[in-house]
Each structure stands twice: as structure tokens, then as C-alpha cells.
Amino acid sequence: EVQLQASGGGLVQTGGSLRLSCVASEISLKTYYVTWFRQVPGKEREAVICIESVGSRTYSADSVNGRFTASRDDARNTVYLQMNDLRPEDTAMYYCAVDYDYSTWERYSSRWYRTIEYDHWGQGTLVTVSS
């Protein structure tokens, strides 16, 4: 059974940083696009950043450009979300999700932000940014 374990959330002050981790079991993340989503109660799940299966190219939401980055450690089968300059509006439950890389990275530019694309989801880790 495929499992994604997201961790690293917590309480941080405005301007602070956190690094989230997404560890996969039963699959190799080297063949999946990995995306971080976030959701606050009453709102739709929002795509934050997607990293390609092999390499380090990313797609990201305008709201996090220049503040959030994604990276991968293939030896640990882990993808990270580094969040800097955090703001209260970043407060949310953060989820990682994976989609098998059938599509080319360039074509994925019009799909990465759609929740329907993803085969497996982690359980979420809560990030709270205090003002």
C-alpha cells in the first residue's frame, strides 16, 4: 500500500521558516511528480508547489514565489518544502500528493494544480503562522 508521510508542521511567527518533509513508501518518488497542497477550513485545497520527478524544476503558486522552494532527496525517497518568510495567510494544513509522470514536464504546467490529477495523498501536517 502506497503511503505518504508528511511532517514538519508547527507554530511559527511571521517571518519565520519551516521545512516540511514528505516521505514515500512502496513507490519511488523518482517516477512521480510531487506537489504540496494546502487547505484551510471552508476553502478549496490549493496547490502550492510541484517538483518534477527527475531533477529540480518546479511550478509554484504566485502567492509563494520567492518564499517557498521544493527539493528532493532520492536516497531518502523524500521531498521537502522549505517555507521562508512565512505569513499568517500561509496558515493551513499542508498535504503532499503524487502523480505518476506519464506527462512531460512541459505539458504538466496546465495540470499540476488540479487535485484530480493525483493518485495518492499524505495525511497532512498543520502549519500555523502567528502575527
Protein backbone atom coordinates (compact mmCIF):
# COMPACT_ATOMS: atom_id res chain seq x y z
CA GLU A 1 0.00 0.00 0.00
CA VAL A 2 1.38 3.38 -1.03
CA GLN A 3 1.87 5.73 1.89
CA LEU A 4 2.95 9.34 2.02
CA GLN A 5 4.01 10.67 5.38
CA ALA A 6 4.02 14.45 5.70
CA SER A 7 5.68 16.03 8.70
CA GLY A 8 7.41 19.18 9.92
CA GLY A 9 4.46 21.43 10.58
CA GLY A 10 4.19 23.57 13.65
CA LEU A 11 3.71 27.03 15.07
CA VAL A 12 5.97 29.80 13.83
CA GLN A 13 5.97 33.57 13.98
CA THR A 14 5.53 35.82 10.97
CA GLY A 15 8.76 35.95 9.03
CA GLY A 16 9.92 32.58 10.29
CA SER A 17 10.73 29.41 8.40
CA LEU A 18 9.71 25.77 8.41
CA ARG A 19 10.70 22.76 6.37
CA LEU A 20 8.13 20.11 5.65
CA SER A 21 9.01 16.58 4.61
CA CYS A 22 7.09 14.06 2.54
CA VAL A 23 8.39 10.51 2.77
CA ALA A 24 7.01 7.84 0.47
CA SER A 25 6.80 4.10 0.92
CA GLU A 26 6.07 1.42 -1.69
CA ILE A 27 6.83 3.81 -4.56
CA SER A 28 9.89 5.59 -5.84
CA LEU A 29 9.39 9.33 -5.96
CA LYS A 30 11.84 9.41 -8.89
CA THR A 31 8.93 8.44 -11.13
CA TYR A 32 6.33 10.79 -9.67
CA TYR A 33 5.61 14.46 -9.75
CA VAL A 34 5.21 15.59 -6.17
CA THR A 35 3.07 18.53 -5.21
CA TRP A 36 2.40 20.27 -1.97
CA PHE A 37 -1.14 21.49 -1.42
CA ARG A 38 -2.65 23.40 1.44
CA GLN A 39 -6.14 23.86 2.76
CA VAL A 40 -7.89 25.95 5.34
CA PRO A 41 -11.32 25.06 6.68
CA GLY A 42 -14.10 26.15 4.36
CA LYS A 43 -11.85 26.66 1.37
CA GLU A 44 -10.74 24.53 -1.54
CA ARG A 45 -7.43 22.77 -1.48
CA GLU A 46 -4.80 24.98 -3.10
CA ALA A 47 -1.72 23.83 -4.99
CA VAL A 48 1.46 25.39 -3.64
CA ILE A 49 4.43 23.91 -5.46
CA CYS A 50 5.21 20.91 -7.66
CA ILE A 51 8.60 19.35 -8.27
CA GLU A 52 9.42 17.20 -11.24
CA SER A 53 10.17 13.51 -10.94
CA VAL A 54 13.82 13.66 -12.04
CA GLY A 55 15.54 16.95 -11.48
CA SER A 56 14.64 20.08 -9.63
CA ARG A 57 12.32 22.11 -11.82
CA THR A 58 9.22 23.35 -10.09
CA TYR A 59 5.90 25.02 -10.69
CA SER A 60 4.60 27.20 -7.91
CA ALA A 61 1.71 29.43 -6.99
CA ASP A 62 2.18 33.17 -7.29
CA SER A 63 1.45 33.57 -3.59
CA VAL A 64 4.58 31.65 -2.59
CA ASN A 65 7.03 32.58 -5.35
CA GLY A 66 10.33 33.70 -3.89
CA ARG A 67 9.46 32.31 -0.44
CA PHE A 68 8.81 28.58 -0.84
CA THR A 69 11.03 26.06 -2.57
CA ALA A 70 10.79 22.33 -3.12
CA SER A 71 13.64 19.87 -3.25
CA ARG A 72 14.12 16.14 -3.26
CA ASP A 73 16.42 13.61 -1.67
CA ASP A 74 16.15 10.48 -3.76
CA ALA A 75 18.28 8.44 -1.37
CA ARG A 76 15.69 9.08 1.33
CA ASN A 77 12.73 8.93 -1.07
CA THR A 78 11.71 12.29 0.33
CA VAL A 79 10.54 15.63 -0.99
CA TYR A 80 10.90 18.78 1.07
CA LEU A 81 9.04 22.04 1.18
CA GLN A 82 11.18 24.87 2.51
CA MET A 83 8.99 27.76 3.60
CA ASN A 84 10.62 31.10 4.35
CA ASP A 85 9.22 34.48 5.25
CA LEU A 86 6.04 32.88 6.47
CA ARG A 87 2.90 34.96 6.76
CA PRO A 88 -0.35 34.44 8.67
CA GLU A 89 -2.11 33.70 5.37
CA ASP A 90 0.17 30.66 4.96
CA THR A 91 -1.59 29.04 7.91
CA ALA A 92 -3.15 25.82 6.66
CA MET A 93 -3.00 22.07 6.64
CA TYR A 94 -0.30 21.07 4.17
CA TYR A 95 -0.54 17.89 2.14
CA CYS A 96 1.82 16.19 -0.24
CA ALA A 97 0.47 14.31 -3.22
CA VAL A 98 1.99 12.32 -6.07
CA ASP A 99 1.12 11.78 -9.71
CA TYR A 100 2.92 9.29 -11.92
CA ASP A 101 4.92 11.16 -14.55
CA TYR A 102 3.10 9.98 -17.68
CA SER A 103 3.07 13.53 -18.98
CA THR A 104 6.06 15.58 -19.97
CA TRP A 105 7.02 18.27 -17.53
CA GLU A 106 6.13 20.99 -20.02
CA ARG A 107 2.64 19.61 -20.56
CA TYR A 108 2.19 19.25 -16.81
CA SER A 109 2.25 23.03 -16.50
CA SER A 110 -1.50 23.11 -17.17
CA ARG A 111 -2.31 20.22 -14.82
CA TRP A 112 -0.13 20.34 -11.74
CA TYR A 113 -2.51 22.48 -9.71
CA ARG A 114 -5.55 20.23 -10.18
CA THR A 115 -6.28 17.90 -7.27
CA ILE A 116 -7.90 15.39 -9.61
CA GLU A 117 -4.50 14.60 -11.15
CA TYR A 118 -3.09 12.99 -8.02
CA ASP A 119 -3.10 9.31 -7.24
CA HIS A 120 -2.00 9.34 -3.63
CA TRP A 121 -2.15 11.80 -0.76
CA GLY A 122 -0.43 12.16 2.56
CA GLN A 123 -2.32 12.79 5.77
CA GLY A 124 -1.39 16.44 6.19
CA THR A 125 0.71 18.47 8.59
CA LEU A 126 -0.53 21.68 10.19
CA VAL A 127 1.32 24.94 9.77
CA THR A 128 0.28 27.87 11.93
CA VAL A 129 1.82 31.29 11.47
CA SER A 130 1.19 33.78 14.24
CA SER A 131 1.11 37.51 13.63
